[in-house]
């Protein structure tokens, strides 16, 4: 049971670091941007470490990591839109970009909290009664 608690703590730490920093990256520039970028990648490295440990314990835990990857992938269109705005400033709509950023951040944070709660519930079950949902 102690290993399960360690895995969950590492998962939550990686989740908080990654999603907080990727959200803050949407609003910062300069050297602070670089600091958040590095911290976000530390969170991603912790996800990788946590996933290796947890799937060695129970391969069905992979589903919780796949959901987090989906929430992280939601930021790719924001990055592409910002890149298009740099290449073609006339086509960039700042208010639409802000609205999209806030929507993606809210959706990914809510989804990741729900995912963490489901992960905790799954880990709290007795090993013989665990089912994949």
N, C-alpha and C. Protein backbone atom coordinates (compact mmCIF):
# COMPACT_ATOMS: atom_id res chain seq x y z
N UNK A 1 0.82 -1.19 0.00
CA UNK A 1 0.00 0.00 0.00
C UNK A 1 0.87 1.26 0.00
N UNK A 2 2.00 1.21 0.65
CA UNK A 2 2.88 2.38 0.71
C UNK A 2 3.38 2.76 -0.69
N UNK A 3 3.64 1.76 -1.52
CA UNK A 3 4.09 2.03 -2.88
C UNK A 3 2.99 2.74 -3.68
N UNK A 4 1.76 2.37 -3.45
CA UNK A 4 0.63 3.02 -4.12
C UNK A 4 0.53 4.49 -3.72
N UNK A 5 0.77 4.78 -2.45
CA UNK A 5 0.73 6.16 -1.98
C UNK A 5 1.86 6.97 -2.62
N UNK A 6 3.03 6.39 -2.71
CA UNK A 6 4.17 7.08 -3.36
C UNK A 6 3.87 7.36 -4.84
N UNK A 7 3.31 6.39 -5.51
CA UNK A 7 2.96 6.56 -6.92
C UNK A 7 1.94 7.68 -7.07
N UNK A 8 0.92 7.69 -6.22
CA UNK A 8 -0.09 8.74 -6.31
C UNK A 8 0.50 10.11 -6.01
N UNK A 9 1.34 10.21 -5.00
CA UNK A 9 1.97 11.50 -4.67
C UNK A 9 2.82 12.00 -5.83
N UNK A 10 3.57 11.12 -6.44
CA UNK A 10 4.40 11.50 -7.59
C UNK A 10 3.52 11.93 -8.77
N UNK A 11 2.42 11.22 -8.97
CA UNK A 11 1.47 11.58 -10.03
C UNK A 11 0.90 12.97 -9.80
N UNK A 12 0.48 13.26 -8.57
CA UNK A 12 -0.10 14.56 -8.25
C UNK A 12 0.95 15.67 -8.38
N UNK A 13 2.16 15.42 -7.91
CA UNK A 13 3.23 16.42 -8.03
C UNK A 13 3.51 16.72 -9.50
N UNK A 14 3.61 15.69 -10.31
CA UNK A 14 3.84 15.88 -11.75
C UNK A 14 2.68 16.63 -12.39
N UNK A 15 1.48 16.28 -12.00
CA UNK A 15 0.27 16.92 -12.51
C UNK A 15 0.26 18.41 -12.18
N UNK A 16 0.51 18.74 -10.92
CA UNK A 16 0.50 20.14 -10.48
C UNK A 16 1.59 20.93 -11.18
N UNK A 17 2.81 20.39 -11.19
CA UNK A 17 3.92 21.10 -11.84
C UNK A 17 3.65 21.35 -13.32
N UNK A 18 3.24 20.32 -14.01
CA UNK A 18 3.07 20.42 -15.46
C UNK A 18 1.92 21.35 -15.83
N UNK A 19 0.76 21.11 -15.27
CA UNK A 19 -0.40 21.91 -15.66
C UNK A 19 -0.32 23.35 -15.16
N UNK A 20 0.25 23.56 -13.99
CA UNK A 20 0.42 24.94 -13.51
C UNK A 20 1.37 25.70 -14.41
N UNK A 21 2.49 25.10 -14.71
CA UNK A 21 3.49 25.80 -15.52
C UNK A 21 3.02 25.99 -16.97
N UNK A 22 2.37 25.01 -17.54
CA UNK A 22 1.89 25.19 -18.91
C UNK A 22 0.80 26.26 -18.96
N UNK A 23 0.01 26.35 -17.92
CA UNK A 23 -0.99 27.42 -17.85
C UNK A 23 -0.33 28.78 -17.70
N UNK A 24 0.67 28.88 -16.85
CA UNK A 24 1.38 30.15 -16.67
C UNK A 24 2.18 30.55 -17.90
N UNK A 25 2.62 29.57 -18.66
CA UNK A 25 3.35 29.87 -19.90
C UNK A 25 2.49 30.64 -20.88
N UNK A 26 1.19 30.49 -20.77
CA UNK A 26 0.28 31.17 -21.69
C UNK A 26 0.25 32.69 -21.46
N UNK A 27 0.71 33.12 -20.28
CA UNK A 27 0.59 34.53 -19.92
C UNK A 27 1.92 35.23 -19.65
N UNK A 28 3.04 34.53 -19.77
CA UNK A 28 4.33 35.13 -19.42
C UNK A 28 5.24 35.25 -20.64
N UNK A 29 6.28 36.04 -20.45
CA UNK A 29 7.30 36.23 -21.49
C UNK A 29 8.66 36.36 -20.82
N UNK A 30 9.70 36.30 -21.62
CA UNK A 30 11.06 36.55 -21.14
C UNK A 30 11.63 35.45 -20.29
N UNK A 31 12.42 35.84 -19.27
CA UNK A 31 13.13 34.88 -18.44
C UNK A 31 12.17 34.07 -17.56
N UNK A 32 11.06 34.66 -17.17
CA UNK A 32 10.06 33.92 -16.38
C UNK A 32 9.46 32.81 -17.24
N UNK A 33 9.27 33.09 -18.52
CA UNK A 33 8.78 32.08 -19.46
C UNK A 33 9.72 30.88 -19.46
N UNK A 34 11.02 31.15 -19.53
CA UNK A 34 12.01 30.07 -19.55
C UNK A 34 11.96 29.26 -18.26
N UNK A 35 11.81 29.93 -17.12
CA UNK A 35 11.72 29.24 -15.83
C UNK A 35 10.51 28.30 -15.80
N UNK A 36 9.35 28.80 -16.24
CA UNK A 36 8.15 27.96 -16.27
C UNK A 36 8.29 26.82 -17.28
N UNK A 37 8.96 27.08 -18.39
CA UNK A 37 9.17 26.04 -19.40
C UNK A 37 10.02 24.90 -18.83
N UNK A 38 11.09 25.23 -18.14
CA UNK A 38 11.95 24.21 -17.53
C UNK A 38 11.18 23.44 -16.46
N UNK A 39 10.44 24.16 -15.63
CA UNK A 39 9.66 23.51 -14.57
C UNK A 39 8.59 22.59 -15.16
N UNK A 40 7.96 23.01 -16.24
CA UNK A 40 6.98 22.17 -16.90
C UNK A 40 7.63 20.86 -17.38
N UNK A 41 8.83 20.95 -17.93
CA UNK A 41 9.51 19.74 -18.40
C UNK A 41 9.96 18.86 -17.24
N UNK A 42 10.25 19.43 -16.10
CA UNK A 42 10.52 18.63 -14.91
C UNK A 42 9.26 17.83 -14.54
N UNK A 43 8.11 18.48 -14.61
CA UNK A 43 6.84 17.79 -14.35
C UNK A 43 6.60 16.66 -15.34
N UNK A 44 6.92 16.88 -16.60
CA UNK A 44 6.76 15.83 -17.61
C UNK A 44 7.70 14.66 -17.31
N UNK A 45 8.93 14.95 -16.89
CA UNK A 45 9.87 13.89 -16.51
C UNK A 45 9.33 13.10 -15.31
N UNK A 46 8.71 13.80 -14.37
CA UNK A 46 8.10 13.11 -13.23
C UNK A 46 6.93 12.23 -13.66
N UNK A 47 6.16 12.68 -14.66
CA UNK A 47 5.10 11.84 -15.22
C UNK A 47 5.68 10.55 -15.79
N UNK A 48 6.76 10.68 -16.51
CA UNK A 48 7.38 9.50 -17.12
C UNK A 48 7.85 8.53 -16.03
N UNK A 49 8.51 9.06 -15.02
CA UNK A 49 8.97 8.23 -13.90
C UNK A 49 7.79 7.58 -13.18
N UNK A 50 6.77 8.36 -12.91
CA UNK A 50 5.59 7.85 -12.22
C UNK A 50 4.89 6.78 -13.06
N UNK A 51 4.80 7.02 -14.36
CA UNK A 51 4.13 6.04 -15.22
C UNK A 51 4.89 4.72 -15.24
N UNK A 52 6.22 4.78 -15.29
CA UNK A 52 7.00 3.54 -15.29
C UNK A 52 6.79 2.76 -14.00
N UNK A 53 6.81 3.47 -12.88
CA UNK A 53 6.61 2.80 -11.59
C UNK A 53 5.20 2.24 -11.47
N UNK A 54 4.21 3.01 -11.86
CA UNK A 54 2.83 2.57 -11.66
C UNK A 54 2.44 1.45 -12.60
N UNK A 55 2.88 1.50 -13.85
CA UNK A 55 2.52 0.42 -14.77
C UNK A 55 3.26 -0.87 -14.44
N UNK A 56 4.40 -0.76 -13.76
CA UNK A 56 5.07 -1.97 -13.28
C UNK A 56 4.25 -2.61 -12.15
N UNK A 57 3.58 -1.77 -11.37
CA UNK A 57 2.74 -2.26 -10.29
C UNK A 57 1.41 -2.80 -10.83
N UNK A 58 0.80 -2.05 -11.74
CA UNK A 58 -0.50 -2.41 -12.30
C UNK A 58 -0.62 -1.80 -13.69
N UNK A 59 -0.53 -2.60 -14.75
CA UNK A 59 -0.58 -2.05 -16.12
C UNK A 59 -1.87 -1.28 -16.44
N UNK A 60 -2.94 -1.55 -15.74
CA UNK A 60 -4.19 -0.83 -16.03
C UNK A 60 -4.15 0.63 -15.57
N UNK A 61 -3.12 1.03 -14.84
CA UNK A 61 -2.99 2.43 -14.42
C UNK A 61 -2.60 3.35 -15.58
N UNK A 62 -2.21 2.77 -16.68
CA UNK A 62 -1.82 3.55 -17.85
C UNK A 62 -2.94 4.49 -18.31
N UNK A 63 -4.18 4.10 -18.13
CA UNK A 63 -5.33 4.89 -18.56
C UNK A 63 -5.34 6.29 -17.93
N UNK A 64 -4.87 6.41 -16.70
CA UNK A 64 -4.87 7.70 -16.03
C UNK A 64 -3.82 8.63 -16.62
N UNK A 65 -2.72 8.08 -17.09
CA UNK A 65 -1.67 8.88 -17.73
C UNK A 65 -2.09 9.30 -19.14
N UNK A 66 -2.80 8.41 -19.82
CA UNK A 66 -3.28 8.75 -21.16
C UNK A 66 -4.24 9.93 -21.11
N UNK A 67 -5.05 10.01 -20.07
CA UNK A 67 -5.97 11.15 -19.93
C UNK A 67 -5.19 12.45 -19.73
N UNK A 68 -4.14 12.40 -18.94
CA UNK A 68 -3.33 13.61 -18.72
C UNK A 68 -2.68 14.04 -20.02
N UNK A 69 -2.20 13.11 -20.81
CA UNK A 69 -1.60 13.46 -22.09
C UNK A 69 -2.62 14.15 -23.00
N UNK A 70 -3.87 13.72 -22.92
CA UNK A 70 -4.93 14.36 -23.69
C UNK A 70 -5.12 15.81 -23.24
N UNK A 71 -5.12 16.04 -21.93
CA UNK A 71 -5.27 17.40 -21.42
C UNK A 71 -4.08 18.28 -21.81
N UNK A 72 -2.91 17.71 -21.85
CA UNK A 72 -1.73 18.48 -22.28
C UNK A 72 -1.79 18.77 -23.77
N UNK A 73 -2.33 17.86 -24.54
CA UNK A 73 -2.43 18.06 -25.99
C UNK A 73 -3.39 19.19 -26.36
N UNK A 74 -4.28 19.55 -25.45
CA UNK A 74 -5.20 20.65 -25.71
C UNK A 74 -4.48 21.99 -25.89
N UNK A 75 -3.26 22.07 -25.39
CA UNK A 75 -2.50 23.31 -25.50
C UNK A 75 -1.84 23.47 -26.87
N UNK A 76 -1.75 22.42 -27.65
CA UNK A 76 -1.10 22.48 -28.96
C UNK A 76 -1.81 23.45 -29.91
N UNK A 77 -3.14 23.42 -30.02
CA UNK A 77 -3.79 24.41 -30.90
C UNK A 77 -3.53 25.86 -30.46
N UNK A 78 -3.44 26.09 -29.15
CA UNK A 78 -3.12 27.44 -28.67
C UNK A 78 -1.74 27.88 -29.14
N UNK A 79 -0.79 26.96 -29.06
CA UNK A 79 0.57 27.26 -29.52
C UNK A 79 0.59 27.52 -31.01
N UNK A 80 -0.13 26.71 -31.77
CA UNK A 80 -0.17 26.90 -33.23
C UNK A 80 -0.82 28.23 -33.60
N UNK A 81 -1.88 28.60 -32.89
CA UNK A 81 -2.55 29.87 -33.17
C UNK A 81 -1.63 31.05 -32.84
N UNK A 82 -0.90 30.93 -31.75
CA UNK A 82 0.05 31.99 -31.39
C UNK A 82 1.15 32.09 -32.43
N UNK A 83 1.62 30.96 -32.92
CA UNK A 83 2.63 30.95 -33.97
C UNK A 83 2.10 31.59 -35.24
N UNK A 84 0.87 31.28 -35.61
CA UNK A 84 0.25 31.92 -36.79
C UNK A 84 0.14 33.42 -36.59
N UNK A 85 -0.14 33.84 -35.35
CA UNK A 85 -0.22 35.26 -35.06
C UNK A 85 1.11 35.96 -35.18
N UNK A 86 2.18 35.26 -34.89
CA UNK A 86 3.52 35.83 -35.04
C UNK A 86 3.87 35.94 -36.53
N UNK A 87 3.52 34.92 -37.29
CA UNK A 87 3.83 34.92 -38.72
C UNK A 87 2.93 35.85 -39.51
N UNK A 88 1.68 36.01 -39.07
CA UNK A 88 0.72 36.87 -39.76
C UNK A 88 -0.06 37.67 -38.71
N UNK A 89 0.51 38.78 -38.24
CA UNK A 89 -0.11 39.53 -37.14
C UNK A 89 -1.53 40.02 -37.42
N UNK A 90 -1.87 40.25 -38.65
CA UNK A 90 -3.21 40.73 -38.98
C UNK A 90 -4.30 39.69 -38.73
N UNK A 91 -3.93 38.42 -38.73
CA UNK A 91 -4.93 37.36 -38.56
C UNK A 91 -5.11 36.96 -37.09
N UNK A 92 -4.34 37.54 -36.20
CA UNK A 92 -4.39 37.16 -34.79
C UNK A 92 -5.44 37.98 -34.05
N UNK A 93 -6.35 37.32 -33.38
CA UNK A 93 -7.38 37.98 -32.59
C UNK A 93 -7.06 37.75 -31.12
N UNK A 94 -6.57 38.78 -30.44
CA UNK A 94 -6.12 38.66 -29.06
C UNK A 94 -7.22 38.27 -28.09
N UNK A 95 -8.41 38.83 -28.28
CA UNK A 95 -9.49 38.49 -27.34
C UNK A 95 -9.94 37.04 -27.52
N UNK A 96 -9.96 36.56 -28.75
CA UNK A 96 -10.31 35.16 -28.98
C UNK A 96 -9.23 34.24 -28.39
N UNK A 97 -7.97 34.64 -28.52
CA UNK A 97 -6.88 33.83 -27.97
C UNK A 97 -6.98 33.76 -26.44
N UNK A 98 -7.28 34.89 -25.79
CA UNK A 98 -7.43 34.89 -24.33
C UNK A 98 -8.58 33.99 -23.89
N UNK A 99 -9.68 34.09 -24.58
CA UNK A 99 -10.84 33.27 -24.26
C UNK A 99 -10.51 31.78 -24.42
N UNK A 100 -9.83 31.44 -25.51
CA UNK A 100 -9.44 30.05 -25.75
C UNK A 100 -8.48 29.56 -24.67
N UNK A 101 -7.51 30.40 -24.29
CA UNK A 101 -6.56 30.02 -23.24
C UNK A 101 -7.28 29.73 -21.93
N UNK A 102 -8.18 30.62 -21.55
CA UNK A 102 -8.90 30.43 -20.29
C UNK A 102 -9.76 29.18 -20.36
N UNK A 103 -10.40 28.94 -21.49
CA UNK A 103 -11.21 27.73 -21.65
C UNK A 103 -10.39 26.46 -21.56
N UNK A 104 -9.26 26.44 -22.25
CA UNK A 104 -8.41 25.25 -22.22
C UNK A 104 -7.84 25.03 -20.83
N UNK A 105 -7.41 26.09 -20.18
CA UNK A 105 -6.87 25.95 -18.82
C UNK A 105 -7.95 25.41 -17.88
N UNK A 106 -9.15 25.99 -17.93
CA UNK A 106 -10.23 25.54 -17.05
C UNK A 106 -10.59 24.08 -17.31
N UNK A 107 -10.71 23.72 -18.58
CA UNK A 107 -11.08 22.35 -18.93
C UNK A 107 -10.00 21.36 -18.50
N UNK A 108 -8.73 21.69 -18.76
CA UNK A 108 -7.66 20.75 -18.42
C UNK A 108 -7.46 20.63 -16.91
N UNK A 109 -7.62 21.73 -16.18
CA UNK A 109 -7.49 21.65 -14.72
C UNK A 109 -8.64 20.84 -14.12
N UNK A 110 -9.87 21.12 -14.55
CA UNK A 110 -11.02 20.36 -14.05
C UNK A 110 -10.89 18.87 -14.40
N UNK A 111 -10.48 18.59 -15.63
CA UNK A 111 -10.31 17.20 -16.04
C UNK A 111 -9.21 16.50 -15.29
N UNK A 112 -8.11 17.20 -15.05
CA UNK A 112 -7.00 16.56 -14.34
C UNK A 112 -7.33 16.33 -12.87
N UNK A 113 -8.11 17.23 -12.26
CA UNK A 113 -8.54 17.00 -10.88
C UNK A 113 -9.46 15.78 -10.82
N UNK A 114 -10.38 15.70 -11.75
CA UNK A 114 -11.29 14.54 -11.80
C UNK A 114 -10.49 13.25 -12.03
N UNK A 115 -9.50 13.31 -12.91
CA UNK A 115 -8.67 12.16 -13.19
C UNK A 115 -7.88 11.74 -11.95
N UNK A 116 -7.34 12.71 -11.21
CA UNK A 116 -6.57 12.40 -9.99
C UNK A 116 -7.47 11.76 -8.94
N UNK A 117 -8.69 12.25 -8.82
CA UNK A 117 -9.63 11.65 -7.86
C UNK A 117 -9.99 10.22 -8.25
N UNK A 118 -10.19 9.98 -9.54
CA UNK A 118 -10.46 8.62 -10.00
C UNK A 118 -9.25 7.71 -9.79
N UNK A 119 -8.05 8.26 -10.02
CA UNK A 119 -6.81 7.51 -9.80
C UNK A 119 -6.71 7.11 -8.33
N UNK A 120 -6.97 8.07 -7.43
CA UNK A 120 -6.91 7.79 -6.00
C UNK A 120 -7.94 6.73 -5.61
N UNK A 121 -9.14 6.86 -6.12
CA UNK A 121 -10.19 5.88 -5.81
C UNK A 121 -9.79 4.49 -6.30
N UNK A 122 -9.19 4.44 -7.47
CA UNK A 122 -8.75 3.16 -8.02
C UNK A 122 -7.66 2.54 -7.16
N UNK A 123 -6.71 3.37 -6.73
CA UNK A 123 -5.62 2.87 -5.90
C UNK A 123 -6.09 2.47 -4.51
N UNK A 124 -7.17 3.07 -4.04
CA UNK A 124 -7.69 2.78 -2.70
C UNK A 124 -8.46 1.48 -2.62
N UNK A 125 -8.87 0.96 -3.77
CA UNK A 125 -9.61 -0.30 -3.78
C UNK A 125 -8.70 -1.44 -3.37
N UNK A 126 -9.31 -2.49 -2.89
CA UNK A 126 -8.56 -3.70 -2.60
C UNK A 126 -8.06 -4.30 -3.92
N UNK A 127 -6.85 -4.84 -3.95
CA UNK A 127 -6.30 -5.35 -5.22
C UNK A 127 -7.18 -6.39 -5.92
N UNK A 128 -7.88 -7.24 -5.18
CA UNK A 128 -8.67 -8.27 -5.83
C UNK A 128 -10.00 -7.72 -6.39
N UNK A 129 -10.41 -6.51 -5.98
CA UNK A 129 -11.69 -5.95 -6.47
C UNK A 129 -11.50 -4.85 -7.49
N UNK A 130 -10.29 -4.59 -7.92
CA UNK A 130 -10.06 -3.52 -8.88
C UNK A 130 -10.61 -3.89 -10.25
N UNK A 131 -11.29 -2.90 -10.83
CA UNK A 131 -11.81 -3.07 -12.18
C UNK A 131 -11.41 -1.85 -13.00
N UNK A 132 -11.30 -2.02 -14.28
CA UNK A 132 -10.96 -0.93 -15.18
C UNK A 132 -12.26 -0.26 -15.59
N UNK A 133 -12.32 1.08 -15.43
CA UNK A 133 -13.55 1.79 -15.82
C UNK A 133 -13.36 2.51 -17.12
